[in-house]
Amino acid sequence: MTAAPPLAHVIADLTGVGSGALRDAALLSGLLIAAAGAGGLISAGTPLIRTAPSGGVSAVLLLDPCHVSIHSLPERGLVLVDILAPDSTGADKALDVFVRRLNPGAVVRETRMRG
């Protein structure tokens, strides 16, 4: 049996993001869908979104077979992005959507190959 190629797991902290964008559940939901499309990733449904009493948004888009998720913390100007994709190219393209649209002051990211 041939081993399957590893999955790319990208996590990123985007800091210095305007709090308005981080409270906008519709915007963040749209970014999940756009990120998956840009990365050539196949959605397994619609985003699941929860808005906290603080105004922060947690959202996940399940993919076939991975995910894209975000957690926003408007009081910190911070969004945490988590992308698990079949390859690093797709994961990088997906992350680029968040960076371009949210225009953070800084991005700290880590990529691990998994599996």
N, C-alpha and C. Protein backbone atom coordinates (compact mmCIF):
# COMPACT_ATOMS: atom_id res chain seq x y z
N MET A 1 0.84 -1.17 0.00
CA MET A 1 0.00 0.00 0.00
C MET A 1 0.89 1.24 0.00
N THR A 2 0.59 2.18 -0.87
CA THR A 2 1.34 3.43 -0.94
C THR A 2 0.79 4.40 0.09
N ALA A 3 1.70 5.05 0.80
CA ALA A 3 1.28 6.02 1.81
C ALA A 3 0.70 7.25 1.14
N ALA A 4 -0.36 7.77 1.73
CA ALA A 4 -0.98 9.01 1.22
C ALA A 4 -0.05 10.17 1.53
N PRO A 5 -0.05 11.20 0.68
CA PRO A 5 0.79 12.36 0.96
C PRO A 5 0.30 13.07 2.23
N PRO A 6 1.20 13.73 2.93
CA PRO A 6 0.79 14.41 4.16
C PRO A 6 -0.14 15.59 3.87
N LEU A 7 -0.91 15.95 4.87
CA LEU A 7 -1.78 17.12 4.80
C LEU A 7 -1.02 18.34 5.29
N ALA A 8 -1.36 19.51 4.79
CA ALA A 8 -0.75 20.76 5.24
C ALA A 8 -1.66 21.40 6.28
N HIS A 9 -1.09 21.69 7.44
CA HIS A 9 -1.84 22.35 8.51
C HIS A 9 -1.21 23.72 8.75
N VAL A 10 -1.93 24.76 8.38
CA VAL A 10 -1.45 26.13 8.54
C VAL A 10 -2.25 26.78 9.66
N ILE A 11 -1.53 27.35 10.63
CA ILE A 11 -2.17 28.18 11.64
C ILE A 11 -1.54 29.56 11.54
N ALA A 12 -2.36 30.57 11.73
CA ALA A 12 -1.86 31.94 11.60
C ALA A 12 -2.57 32.86 12.58
N ASP A 13 -1.80 33.79 13.14
CA ASP A 13 -2.33 34.88 13.95
C ASP A 13 -2.25 36.14 13.11
N LEU A 14 -3.38 36.76 12.84
CA LEU A 14 -3.42 38.03 12.11
C LEU A 14 -3.74 39.10 13.14
N THR A 15 -2.80 40.01 13.39
CA THR A 15 -2.98 41.04 14.40
C THR A 15 -3.10 42.41 13.75
N GLY A 16 -3.67 43.33 14.52
CA GLY A 16 -3.83 44.69 14.01
C GLY A 16 -4.98 44.81 13.03
N VAL A 17 -5.99 43.95 13.16
CA VAL A 17 -7.15 43.97 12.27
C VAL A 17 -8.23 44.84 12.91
N GLY A 18 -8.92 45.65 12.11
CA GLY A 18 -9.99 46.51 12.61
C GLY A 18 -11.10 45.71 13.26
N SER A 19 -11.59 46.21 14.39
CA SER A 19 -12.60 45.45 15.14
C SER A 19 -13.91 45.31 14.38
N GLY A 20 -14.24 46.25 13.50
CA GLY A 20 -15.48 46.14 12.73
C GLY A 20 -15.52 44.88 11.90
N ALA A 21 -14.43 44.59 11.20
CA ALA A 21 -14.36 43.38 10.38
C ALA A 21 -14.43 42.13 11.24
N LEU A 22 -13.86 42.20 12.43
CA LEU A 22 -13.81 41.02 13.29
C LEU A 22 -15.14 40.72 13.97
N ARG A 23 -16.08 41.67 13.90
CA ARG A 23 -17.43 41.47 14.45
C ARG A 23 -18.44 41.13 13.35
N ASP A 24 -18.00 41.13 12.11
CA ASP A 24 -18.88 40.97 10.95
C ASP A 24 -18.97 39.49 10.55
N ALA A 25 -19.97 38.80 11.10
CA ALA A 25 -20.10 37.36 10.85
C ALA A 25 -20.31 37.05 9.37
N ALA A 26 -21.07 37.90 8.68
CA ALA A 26 -21.31 37.65 7.25
C ALA A 26 -20.02 37.77 6.45
N LEU A 27 -19.22 38.78 6.76
CA LEU A 27 -17.93 38.95 6.07
C LEU A 27 -17.04 37.74 6.32
N LEU A 28 -16.91 37.35 7.58
CA LEU A 28 -16.00 36.25 7.91
C LEU A 28 -16.49 34.93 7.31
N SER A 29 -17.79 34.73 7.28
CA SER A 29 -18.35 33.55 6.63
C SER A 29 -18.01 33.54 5.14
N GLY A 30 -18.17 34.69 4.51
CA GLY A 30 -17.82 34.80 3.09
C GLY A 30 -16.35 34.54 2.84
N LEU A 31 -15.51 34.99 3.77
CA LEU A 31 -14.06 34.75 3.61
C LEU A 31 -13.73 33.27 3.71
N LEU A 32 -14.43 32.53 4.55
CA LEU A 32 -14.21 31.08 4.61
C LEU A 32 -14.47 30.44 3.25
N ILE A 33 -15.59 30.82 2.64
CA ILE A 33 -15.96 30.27 1.34
C ILE A 33 -14.97 30.70 0.26
N ALA A 34 -14.59 31.98 0.28
CA ALA A 34 -13.63 32.49 -0.71
C ALA A 34 -12.27 31.83 -0.54
N ALA A 35 -11.85 31.62 0.71
CA ALA A 35 -10.56 30.99 0.97
C ALA A 35 -10.54 29.56 0.44
N ALA A 36 -11.61 28.83 0.69
CA ALA A 36 -11.68 27.46 0.18
C ALA A 36 -11.62 27.46 -1.34
N GLY A 37 -12.35 28.35 -1.97
CA GLY A 37 -12.34 28.42 -3.43
C GLY A 37 -10.97 28.76 -3.98
N ALA A 38 -10.31 29.74 -3.35
CA ALA A 38 -8.98 30.15 -3.82
C ALA A 38 -7.97 29.02 -3.69
N GLY A 39 -8.14 28.20 -2.65
CA GLY A 39 -7.22 27.09 -2.43
C GLY A 39 -7.56 25.83 -3.20
N GLY A 40 -8.64 25.89 -3.99
CA GLY A 40 -9.06 24.70 -4.72
C GLY A 40 -9.59 23.61 -3.82
N LEU A 41 -10.13 24.01 -2.67
CA LEU A 41 -10.61 23.07 -1.66
C LEU A 41 -12.12 22.87 -1.83
N ILE A 42 -12.59 21.68 -1.59
CA ILE A 42 -13.99 21.33 -1.82
C ILE A 42 -14.78 21.41 -0.52
N SER A 43 -15.76 22.30 -0.50
CA SER A 43 -16.61 22.48 0.67
C SER A 43 -17.53 21.28 0.85
N ALA A 44 -17.74 20.91 2.12
CA ALA A 44 -18.66 19.83 2.44
C ALA A 44 -19.99 20.38 2.97
N GLY A 45 -20.23 21.67 2.79
CA GLY A 45 -21.46 22.28 3.27
C GLY A 45 -21.28 23.78 3.43
N THR A 46 -22.11 24.37 4.27
CA THR A 46 -22.04 25.80 4.53
C THR A 46 -21.30 26.05 5.83
N PRO A 47 -20.75 27.26 6.03
CA PRO A 47 -20.03 27.55 7.27
C PRO A 47 -20.94 27.47 8.49
N LEU A 48 -20.39 27.00 9.58
CA LEU A 48 -21.04 27.03 10.88
C LEU A 48 -20.47 28.24 11.60
N ILE A 49 -21.34 29.14 12.06
CA ILE A 49 -20.88 30.41 12.62
C ILE A 49 -21.53 30.64 13.98
N ARG A 50 -20.74 31.11 14.93
CA ARG A 50 -21.24 31.50 16.24
C ARG A 50 -20.64 32.86 16.59
N THR A 51 -21.52 33.75 17.07
CA THR A 51 -21.07 35.06 17.53
C THR A 51 -21.14 35.06 19.05
N ALA A 52 -20.04 35.42 19.69
CA ALA A 52 -19.97 35.46 21.15
C ALA A 52 -20.60 36.75 21.68
N PRO A 53 -20.99 36.77 22.94
CA PRO A 53 -21.51 38.00 23.53
C PRO A 53 -20.54 39.18 23.41
N SER A 54 -19.25 38.89 23.36
CA SER A 54 -18.23 39.93 23.22
C SER A 54 -18.17 40.49 21.81
N GLY A 55 -18.87 39.84 20.87
CA GLY A 55 -18.84 40.27 19.47
C GLY A 55 -17.89 39.49 18.61
N GLY A 56 -17.05 38.67 19.21
CA GLY A 56 -16.14 37.84 18.43
C GLY A 56 -16.89 36.76 17.68
N VAL A 57 -16.29 36.28 16.62
CA VAL A 57 -16.92 35.28 15.76
C VAL A 57 -16.04 34.04 15.69
N SER A 58 -16.66 32.89 15.85
CA SER A 58 -16.00 31.61 15.60
C SER A 58 -16.74 30.96 14.45
N ALA A 59 -15.99 30.48 13.47
CA ALA A 59 -16.62 29.90 12.28
C ALA A 59 -15.75 28.79 11.72
N VAL A 60 -16.42 27.80 11.15
CA VAL A 60 -15.70 26.69 10.53
C VAL A 60 -16.41 26.29 9.25
N LEU A 61 -15.62 25.97 8.24
CA LEU A 61 -16.12 25.41 7.00
C LEU A 61 -15.48 24.04 6.85
N LEU A 62 -16.30 23.00 6.90
CA LEU A 62 -15.77 21.66 6.70
C LEU A 62 -15.52 21.44 5.22
N LEU A 63 -14.41 20.81 4.94
CA LEU A 63 -14.01 20.53 3.56
C LEU A 63 -13.94 19.03 3.36
N ASP A 64 -13.83 18.64 2.14
CA ASP A 64 -13.66 17.24 1.82
C ASP A 64 -12.18 17.02 1.55
N PRO A 65 -11.38 16.57 2.51
CA PRO A 65 -11.67 16.00 3.80
C PRO A 65 -11.17 16.85 4.97
N CYS A 66 -10.98 18.12 4.83
CA CYS A 66 -10.28 18.93 5.83
C CYS A 66 -11.16 20.04 6.40
N HIS A 67 -10.57 21.22 6.72
CA HIS A 67 -11.36 22.33 7.27
C HIS A 67 -10.63 23.66 7.12
N VAL A 68 -11.41 24.73 7.24
CA VAL A 68 -10.89 26.09 7.42
C VAL A 68 -11.69 26.65 8.58
N SER A 69 -11.00 27.19 9.60
CA SER A 69 -11.72 27.78 10.72
C SER A 69 -11.07 29.09 11.14
N ILE A 70 -11.89 29.93 11.77
CA ILE A 70 -11.39 31.22 12.27
C ILE A 70 -12.03 31.51 13.62
N HIS A 71 -11.31 32.26 14.42
CA HIS A 71 -11.80 32.79 15.69
C HIS A 71 -11.34 34.24 15.74
N SER A 72 -12.31 35.16 15.87
CA SER A 72 -11.93 36.57 15.94
C SER A 72 -12.07 37.08 17.37
N LEU A 73 -11.15 37.94 17.74
CA LEU A 73 -11.16 38.58 19.05
C LEU A 73 -11.05 40.08 18.81
N PRO A 74 -12.19 40.75 18.60
CA PRO A 74 -12.17 42.16 18.23
C PRO A 74 -11.47 43.05 19.25
N GLU A 75 -11.61 42.71 20.53
CA GLU A 75 -10.99 43.53 21.58
C GLU A 75 -9.47 43.49 21.50
N ARG A 76 -8.92 42.52 20.82
CA ARG A 76 -7.46 42.40 20.63
C ARG A 76 -7.03 42.72 19.21
N GLY A 77 -7.98 42.97 18.32
CA GLY A 77 -7.64 43.18 16.91
C GLY A 77 -7.01 41.94 16.30
N LEU A 78 -7.47 40.77 16.72
CA LEU A 78 -6.82 39.50 16.40
C LEU A 78 -7.79 38.53 15.75
N VAL A 79 -7.34 37.86 14.72
CA VAL A 79 -8.08 36.72 14.17
C VAL A 79 -7.11 35.55 14.06
N LEU A 80 -7.58 34.40 14.54
CA LEU A 80 -6.80 33.17 14.47
C LEU A 80 -7.37 32.33 13.34
N VAL A 81 -6.51 31.92 12.44
CA VAL A 81 -6.92 31.15 11.26
C VAL A 81 -6.29 29.77 11.34
N ASP A 82 -7.07 28.75 11.03
CA ASP A 82 -6.62 27.36 11.06
C ASP A 82 -7.08 26.70 9.76
N ILE A 83 -6.13 26.24 8.97
CA ILE A 83 -6.45 25.62 7.68
C ILE A 83 -5.77 24.26 7.61
N LEU A 84 -6.56 23.23 7.38
CA LEU A 84 -6.03 21.89 7.13
C LEU A 84 -6.44 21.54 5.71
N ALA A 85 -5.44 21.33 4.86
CA ALA A 85 -5.70 21.14 3.42
C ALA A 85 -4.86 19.98 2.89
N PRO A 86 -5.27 19.43 1.74
CA PRO A 86 -4.53 18.31 1.16
C PRO A 86 -3.10 18.65 0.76
N ASP A 87 -2.80 19.94 0.52
CA ASP A 87 -1.43 20.32 0.15
C ASP A 87 -1.15 21.75 0.60
N SER A 88 0.14 22.08 0.69
CA SER A 88 0.53 23.40 1.20
C SER A 88 0.17 24.52 0.23
N THR A 89 0.15 24.26 -1.07
CA THR A 89 -0.22 25.30 -2.03
C THR A 89 -1.65 25.76 -1.79
N GLY A 90 -2.57 24.82 -1.64
CA GLY A 90 -3.97 25.17 -1.38
C GLY A 90 -4.13 25.90 -0.06
N ALA A 91 -3.42 25.45 0.97
CA ALA A 91 -3.50 26.10 2.27
C ALA A 91 -2.97 27.53 2.20
N ASP A 92 -1.86 27.73 1.50
CA ASP A 92 -1.28 29.07 1.37
C ASP A 92 -2.21 30.01 0.62
N LYS A 93 -2.82 29.52 -0.44
CA LYS A 93 -3.76 30.35 -1.21
C LYS A 93 -4.98 30.71 -0.36
N ALA A 94 -5.44 29.77 0.45
CA ALA A 94 -6.58 30.04 1.33
C ALA A 94 -6.22 31.12 2.35
N LEU A 95 -5.05 31.01 2.97
CA LEU A 95 -4.63 32.01 3.95
C LEU A 95 -4.51 33.38 3.31
N ASP A 96 -4.01 33.44 2.09
CA ASP A 96 -3.84 34.73 1.40
C ASP A 96 -5.15 35.50 1.30
N VAL A 97 -6.28 34.82 1.18
CA VAL A 97 -7.58 35.49 1.10
C VAL A 97 -7.83 36.29 2.39
N PHE A 98 -7.57 35.68 3.54
CA PHE A 98 -7.77 36.38 4.81
C PHE A 98 -6.82 37.57 4.95
N VAL A 99 -5.58 37.37 4.56
CA VAL A 99 -4.59 38.44 4.68
C VAL A 99 -4.95 39.61 3.78
N ARG A 100 -5.31 39.34 2.54
CA ARG A 100 -5.65 40.43 1.61
C ARG A 100 -6.88 41.20 2.06
N ARG A 101 -7.90 40.49 2.51
CA ARG A 101 -9.16 41.17 2.85
C ARG A 101 -9.14 41.84 4.21
N LEU A 102 -8.48 41.25 5.19
CA LEU A 102 -8.47 41.80 6.55
C LEU A 102 -7.34 42.79 6.79
N ASN A 103 -6.34 42.79 5.92
CA ASN A 103 -5.24 43.75 5.97
C ASN A 103 -4.64 43.88 7.38
N PRO A 104 -4.13 42.79 7.93
CA PRO A 104 -3.58 42.86 9.28
C PRO A 104 -2.28 43.64 9.33
N GLY A 105 -1.96 44.14 10.52
CA GLY A 105 -0.68 44.81 10.71
C GLY A 105 0.47 43.82 10.69
N ALA A 106 0.21 42.60 11.14
CA ALA A 106 1.24 41.56 11.16
C ALA A 106 0.59 40.19 11.02
N VAL A 107 1.36 39.26 10.47
CA VAL A 107 0.92 37.88 10.31
C VAL A 107 2.02 36.97 10.85
N VAL A 108 1.67 36.13 11.79
CA VAL A 108 2.59 35.10 12.29
C VAL A 108 1.96 33.77 11.92
N ARG A 109 2.68 32.96 11.16
CA ARG A 109 2.11 31.70 10.67
C ARG A 109 3.07 30.55 10.86
N GLU A 110 2.49 29.38 10.91
CA GLU A 110 3.27 28.15 11.03
C GLU A 110 2.60 27.10 10.15
N THR A 111 3.42 26.33 9.45
CA THR A 111 2.89 25.23 8.63
C THR A 111 3.52 23.93 9.11
N ARG A 112 2.68 22.95 9.33
CA ARG A 112 3.14 21.61 9.68
C ARG A 112 2.54 20.62 8.70
N MET A 113 3.34 19.72 8.24
CA MET A 113 2.84 18.63 7.40
C MET A 113 2.41 17.52 8.36
N ARG A 114 1.20 17.02 8.17
CA ARG A 114 0.62 16.07 9.11
C ARG A 114 0.23 14.78 8.41
N GLY A 115 0.31 13.71 9.16
CA GLY A 115 -0.14 12.42 8.66
C GLY A 115 0.90 11.75 7.85
